[in-house]
Amino acid sequence: MKLKALCLSVSLLALPGVASAQGALDALKKTAGDAGKGAVEKRVNTKLMDEGRKNQCSFKSGTAELDPGCDAKLKKLAAALIDAKKQLDGAGVKSYKFEVSGHTDSSGDAAKNKKLSEQRADTLVKELVTRGVPRNEIIAVGFGSEKPLVKPDDTAAKKAKNRRYELQVRL
């Protein structure tokens, strides 16, 4: 009888330790999962930024209308997003959005530039959706001249570098 009571006492004392060990194990799993998702996000964003740089389409000046000859570039961008989707899904990432961000140079009115950059990003989103990117997984954002690559953009070449769009994933 004393042995049963001793075993029962020891097991009751051990339960909180088991519970806290399980909590620590769950925390480690979550941290490892977050690190894995972070690595996938970084890898995907590096690829998307590279594809975006290589496949820049031009727009008619002051409009959100694409210049002719962008079809092959848009196909490559859509393929990159579809490949990124496969990588994210394969890594178990459930909640994400692809972001197309539009950027302008600093010439002209800042409010008009921001609106134009939004319109251009939206044009790209529509084109990518027609090429197979799910509409519910992609958003358009316009930054205008808020995030220049080159400062100051006081030459034609520098202004051209700042007029761009970028692709990335947001978890």
C-alpha atoms as a PDB file:
ATOM      1  CA  MET A   1       0.000   0.000   0.000  1.00  0.00           C
ATOM      2  CA  LYS A   2       2.832   2.383   0.889  1.00  0.00           C
ATOM      3  CA  LEU A   3       4.492   1.567  -2.433  1.00  0.00           C
ATOM      4  CA  LYS A   4       1.314   2.498  -4.347  1.00  0.00           C
ATOM      5  CA  ALA A   5       1.060   5.814  -2.460  1.00  0.00           C
ATOM      6  CA  LEU A   6       4.724   6.546  -3.139  1.00  0.00           C
ATOM      7  CA  CYS A   7       4.323   5.799  -6.861  1.00  0.00           C
ATOM      8  CA  LEU A   8       1.205   7.953  -7.031  1.00  0.00           C
ATOM      9  CA  SER A   9       2.984  10.844  -5.294  1.00  0.00           C
ATOM     10  CA  VAL A  10       6.000  10.613  -7.575  1.00  0.00           C
ATOM     11  CA  SER A  11       3.815  10.490 -10.691  1.00  0.00           C
ATOM     12  CA  LEU A  12       1.820  13.538  -9.568  1.00  0.00           C
ATOM     13  CA  LEU A  13       5.027  15.447  -8.975  1.00  0.00           C
ATOM     14  CA  ALA A  14       6.326  14.475 -12.409  1.00  0.00           C
ATOM     15  CA  LEU A  15       3.224  15.613 -14.334  1.00  0.00           C
ATOM     16  CA  PRO A  16       3.928  19.358 -14.161  1.00  0.00           C
ATOM     17  CA  GLY A  17       7.441  18.664 -15.444  1.00  0.00           C
ATOM     18  CA  VAL A  18       6.039  16.670 -18.347  1.00  0.00           C
ATOM     19  CA  ALA A  19       3.586  19.436 -19.131  1.00  0.00           C
ATOM     20  CA  SER A  20       6.279  22.117 -19.073  1.00  0.00           C
ATOM     21  CA  ALA A  21       8.591  19.926 -21.177  1.00  0.00           C
ATOM     22  CA  GLN A  22       5.765  19.494 -23.699  1.00  0.00           C
ATOM     23  CA  GLY A  23       5.248  23.276 -23.726  1.00  0.00           C
ATOM     24  CA  ALA A  24       8.963  23.807 -24.314  1.00  0.00           C
ATOM     25  CA  LEU A  25       8.919  21.218 -27.102  1.00  0.00           C
ATOM     26  CA  ASP A  26       5.943  22.972 -28.723  1.00  0.00           C
ATOM     27  CA  ALA A  27       7.769  26.298 -28.481  1.00  0.00           C
ATOM     28  CA  LEU A  28      10.856  24.772 -30.116  1.00  0.00           C
ATOM     29  CA  LYS A  29       8.734  23.322 -32.930  1.00  0.00           C
ATOM     30  CA  LYS A  30       7.111  26.723 -33.512  1.00  0.00           C
ATOM     31  CA  THR A  31      10.496  28.467 -33.545  1.00  0.00           C
ATOM     32  CA  ALA A  32      11.886  25.912 -35.985  1.00  0.00           C
ATOM     33  CA  GLY A  33       8.793  26.264 -38.161  1.00  0.00           C
ATOM     34  CA  ASP A  34       9.074  30.061 -38.124  1.00  0.00           C
ATOM     35  CA  ALA A  35      12.775  29.837 -39.019  1.00  0.00           C
ATOM     36  CA  GLY A  36      11.967  27.473 -41.876  1.00  0.00           C
ATOM     37  CA  LYS A  37       9.250  29.819 -43.140  1.00  0.00           C
ATOM     38  CA  GLY A  38      11.658  32.741 -42.851  1.00  0.00           C
ATOM     39  CA  ALA A  39      14.244  30.882 -44.935  1.00  0.00           C
ATOM     40  CA  VAL A  40      11.634  30.049 -47.586  1.00  0.00           C
ATOM     41  CA  GLU A  41      10.405  33.658 -47.582  1.00  0.00           C
ATOM     42  CA  LYS A  42      13.947  34.963 -48.048  1.00  0.00           C
ATOM     43  CA  ARG A  43      14.713  32.496 -50.851  1.00  0.00           C
ATOM     44  CA  VAL A  44      11.433  33.236 -52.648  1.00  0.00           C
ATOM     45  CA  ASN A  45      11.851  37.016 -52.314  1.00  0.00           C
ATOM     46  CA  THR A  46      15.404  36.894 -53.667  1.00  0.00           C
ATOM     47  CA  LYS A  47      14.177  35.005 -56.724  1.00  0.00           C
ATOM     48  CA  LEU A  48      11.177  37.316 -57.228  1.00  0.00           C
ATOM     49  CA  MET A  49      13.274  40.479 -56.922  1.00  0.00           C
ATOM     50  CA  ASP A  50      15.763  39.088 -59.469  1.00  0.00           C
ATOM     51  CA  GLU A  51      12.995  38.170 -61.906  1.00  0.00           C
ATOM     52  CA  GLY A  52      11.407  41.585 -61.459  1.00  0.00           C
ATOM     53  CA  ARG A  53      14.700  43.349 -62.223  1.00  0.00           C
ATOM     54  CA  LYS A  54      15.323  41.229 -65.331  1.00  0.00           C
ATOM     55  CA  ASN A  55      11.770  41.563 -66.627  1.00  0.00           C
ATOM     56  CA  GLN A  56      10.855  45.221 -66.278  1.00  0.00           C
ATOM     57  CA  CYS A  57       8.109  46.336 -68.633  1.00  0.00           C
ATOM     58  CA  SER A  58       7.836  49.949 -69.693  1.00  0.00           C
ATOM     59  CA  PHE A  59       4.703  52.050 -69.515  1.00  0.00           C
ATOM     60  CA  LYS A  60       3.625  54.825 -71.802  1.00  0.00           C
ATOM     61  CA  SER A  61       4.706  58.102 -70.226  1.00  0.00           C
ATOM     62  CA  GLY A  62       2.317  59.362 -67.570  1.00  0.00           C
ATOM     63  CA  THR A  63      -0.050  56.381 -67.935  1.00  0.00           C
ATOM     64  CA  ALA A  64      -0.635  52.876 -66.606  1.00  0.00           C
ATOM     65  CA  GLU A  65      -0.688  51.487 -70.163  1.00  0.00           C
ATOM     66  CA  LEU A  66       2.038  48.968 -70.921  1.00  0.00           C
ATOM     67  CA  ASP A  67       4.271  49.600 -73.906  1.00  0.00           C
ATOM     68  CA  PRO A  68       4.069  46.906 -76.597  1.00  0.00           C
ATOM     69  CA  GLY A  69       6.401  43.938 -76.363  1.00  0.00           C
ATOM     70  CA  CYS A  70       5.998  42.966 -72.699  1.00  0.00           C
ATOM     71  CA  ASP A  71       4.265  39.628 -73.204  1.00  0.00           C
ATOM     72  CA  ALA A  72       7.372  37.439 -72.821  1.00  0.00           C
ATOM     73  CA  LYS A  73       8.448  39.345 -69.691  1.00  0.00           C
ATOM     74  CA  LEU A  74       4.991  39.038 -68.157  1.00  0.00           C
ATOM     75  CA  LYS A  75       4.990  35.289 -68.849  1.00  0.00           C
ATOM     76  CA  LYS A  76       8.331  34.972 -67.027  1.00  0.00           C
ATOM     77  CA  LEU A  77       7.051  37.001 -64.077  1.00  0.00           C
ATOM     78  CA  ALA A  78       3.888  34.879 -63.848  1.00  0.00           C
ATOM     79  CA  ALA A  79       5.972  31.693 -64.020  1.00  0.00           C
ATOM     80  CA  ALA A  80       8.188  32.993 -61.199  1.00  0.00           C
ATOM     81  CA  LEU A  81       5.137  33.697 -59.030  1.00  0.00           C
ATOM     82  CA  ILE A  82       3.600  30.293 -59.760  1.00  0.00           C
ATOM     83  CA  ASP A  83       6.923  28.620 -58.888  1.00  0.00           C
ATOM     84  CA  ALA A  84       7.099  30.676 -55.683  1.00  0.00           C
ATOM     85  CA  LYS A  85       3.561  29.543 -54.809  1.00  0.00           C
ATOM     86  CA  LYS A  86       4.646  25.913 -55.185  1.00  0.00           C
ATOM     87  CA  GLN A  87       7.651  26.486 -52.921  1.00  0.00           C
ATOM     88  CA  LEU A  88       5.541  28.207 -50.266  1.00  0.00           C
ATOM     89  CA  ASP A  89       2.823  25.564 -50.393  1.00  0.00           C
ATOM     90  CA  GLY A  90       5.464  22.813 -50.254  1.00  0.00           C
ATOM     91  CA  ALA A  91       6.979  24.390 -47.153  1.00  0.00           C
ATOM     92  CA  GLY A  92       3.587  24.415 -45.451  1.00  0.00           C
ATOM     93  CA  VAL A  93       3.178  28.188 -45.583  1.00  0.00           C
ATOM     94  CA  LYS A  94      -0.560  28.798 -45.560  1.00  0.00           C
ATOM     95  CA  SER A  95      -1.027  32.547 -45.340  1.00  0.00           C
ATOM     96  CA  TYR A  96       0.782  34.774 -47.812  1.00  0.00           C
ATOM     97  CA  LYS A  97       0.241  37.429 -50.463  1.00  0.00           C
ATOM     98  CA  PHE A  98       2.337  38.320 -53.443  1.00  0.00           C
ATOM     99  CA  GLU A  99       2.893  42.053 -53.631  1.00  0.00           C
ATOM    100  CA  VAL A 100       3.495  44.026 -56.803  1.00  0.00           C
ATOM    101  CA  SER A 101       4.801  47.445 -55.817  1.00  0.00           C
ATOM    102  CA  GLY A 102       5.009  50.346 -58.220  1.00  0.00           C
ATOM    103  CA  HIS A 103       7.640  53.081 -57.928  1.00  0.00           C
ATOM    104  CA  THR A 104       8.255  56.367 -59.729  1.00  0.00           C
ATOM    105  CA  ASP A 105      11.049  58.889 -59.929  1.00  0.00           C
ATOM    106  CA  SER A 106      10.791  62.187 -58.045  1.00  0.00           C
ATOM    107  CA  SER A 107       9.725  64.292 -61.050  1.00  0.00           C
ATOM    108  CA  GLY A 108       6.327  65.954 -60.842  1.00  0.00           C
ATOM    109  CA  ASP A 109       3.626  65.991 -58.207  1.00  0.00           C
ATOM    110  CA  ALA A 110       4.142  63.437 -55.409  1.00  0.00           C
ATOM    111  CA  ALA A 111       0.409  62.663 -55.029  1.00  0.00           C
ATOM    112  CA  LYS A 112       0.011  62.096 -58.776  1.00  0.00           C
ATOM    113  CA  ASN A 113       3.124  59.895 -58.818  1.00  0.00           C
ATOM    114  CA  LYS A 114       1.783  57.787 -55.968  1.00  0.00           C
ATOM    115  CA  LYS A 115      -1.557  57.322 -57.753  1.00  0.00           C
ATOM    116  CA  LEU A 116       0.224  56.498 -61.034  1.00  0.00           C
ATOM    117  CA  SER A 117       2.433  53.931 -59.296  1.00  0.00           C
ATOM    118  CA  GLU A 118      -0.687  52.293 -57.795  1.00  0.00           C
ATOM    119  CA  GLN A 119      -2.347  52.195 -61.224  1.00  0.00           C
ATOM    120  CA  ARG A 120       0.741  50.659 -62.814  1.00  0.00           C
ATOM    121  CA  ALA A 121       1.029  48.029 -60.091  1.00  0.00           C
ATOM    122  CA  ASP A 122      -2.657  47.253 -60.573  1.00  0.00           C
ATOM    123  CA  THR A 123      -2.112  46.874 -64.332  1.00  0.00           C
ATOM    124  CA  LEU A 124       0.644  44.351 -63.645  1.00  0.00           C
ATOM    125  CA  VAL A 125      -1.540  42.439 -61.194  1.00  0.00           C
ATOM    126  CA  LYS A 126      -4.289  42.167 -63.809  1.00  0.00           C
ATOM    127  CA  GLU A 127      -1.788  40.927 -66.398  1.00  0.00           C
ATOM    128  CA  LEU A 128      -0.336  38.355 -63.995  1.00  0.00           C
ATOM    129  CA  VAL A 129      -3.792  37.106 -63.032  1.00  0.00           C
ATOM    130  CA  THR A 130      -4.625  36.532 -66.711  1.00  0.00           C
ATOM    131  CA  ARG A 131      -1.456  34.418 -66.872  1.00  0.00           C
ATOM    132  CA  GLY A 132      -2.435  32.097 -64.022  1.00  0.00           C
ATOM    133  CA  VAL A 133      -1.606  33.819 -60.734  1.00  0.00           C
ATOM    134  CA  PRO A 134      -4.616  33.439 -58.396  1.00  0.00           C
ATOM    135  CA  ARG A 135      -6.281  36.853 -57.841  1.00  0.00           C
ATOM    136  CA  ASN A 136      -6.788  36.264 -54.124  1.00  0.00           C
ATOM    137  CA  GLU A 137      -3.041  35.788 -53.644  1.00  0.00           C
ATOM    138  CA  ILE A 138      -1.741  39.004 -55.215  1.00  0.00           C
ATOM    139  CA  ILE A 139      -2.038  42.686 -54.321  1.00  0.00           C
ATOM    140  CA  ALA A 140      -0.956  45.965 -55.889  1.00  0.00           C
ATOM    141  CA  VAL A 141       0.735  48.720 -53.883  1.00  0.00           C
ATOM    142  CA  GLY A 142       1.914  52.103 -55.105  1.00  0.00           C
ATOM    143  CA  PHE A 143       4.805  53.889 -53.415  1.00  0.00           C
ATOM    144  CA  GLY A 144       5.356  56.756 -55.823  1.00  0.00           C
ATOM    145  CA  SER A 145       8.829  58.155 -55.162  1.00  0.00           C
ATOM    146  CA  GLU A 146       8.869  57.165 -51.462  1.00  0.00           C
ATOM    147  CA  LYS A 147      11.393  54.311 -51.858  1.00  0.00           C
ATOM    148  CA  PRO A 148      14.014  55.319 -54.425  1.00  0.00           C
ATOM    149  CA  LEU A 149      16.841  52.967 -55.361  1.00  0.00           C
ATOM    150  CA  VAL A 150      19.080  55.913 -56.242  1.00  0.00           C
ATOM    151  CA  LYS A 151      19.318  59.272 -54.442  1.00  0.00           C
ATOM    152  CA  PRO A 152      19.267  61.919 -55.674  1.00  0.00           C
ATOM    153  CA  ASP A 153      17.629  61.053 -58.958  1.00  0.00           C
ATOM    154  CA  ASP A 154      18.948  64.094 -60.724  1.00  0.00           C
ATOM    155  CA  THR A 155      19.909  62.489 -64.051  1.00  0.00           C
ATOM    156  CA  ALA A 156      17.893  60.619 -66.656  1.00  0.00           C
ATOM    157  CA  ALA A 157      19.720  57.369 -65.836  1.00  0.00           C
ATOM    158  CA  LYS A 158      19.037  57.673 -62.101  1.00  0.00           C
ATOM    159  CA  LYS A 159      15.386  58.531 -62.704  1.00  0.00           C
ATOM    160  CA  ALA A 160      15.050  55.471 -64.938  1.00  0.00           C
ATOM    161  CA  LYS A 161      16.366  53.216 -62.125  1.00  0.00           C
ATOM    162  CA  ASN A 162      13.759  54.562 -59.727  1.00  0.00           C
ATOM    163  CA  ARG A 163      10.888  53.968 -62.187  1.00  0.00           C
ATOM    164  CA  ARG A 164      10.256  50.299 -61.569  1.00  0.00           C
ATOM    165  CA  TYR A 165       8.077  47.661 -60.032  1.00  0.00           C
ATOM    166  CA  GLU A 166       9.070  44.975 -57.576  1.00  0.00           C
ATOM    167  CA  LEU A 167       7.647  41.569 -56.721  1.00  0.00           C
ATOM    168  CA  GLN A 168       7.795  39.940 -53.319  1.00  0.00           C
ATOM    169  CA  VAL A 169       5.884  37.696 -50.976  1.00  0.00           C
ATOM    170  CA  ARG A 170       4.490  38.817 -47.632  1.00  0.00           C
ATOM    171  CA  LEU A 171       3.829  36.186 -44.962  1.00  0.00           C
END
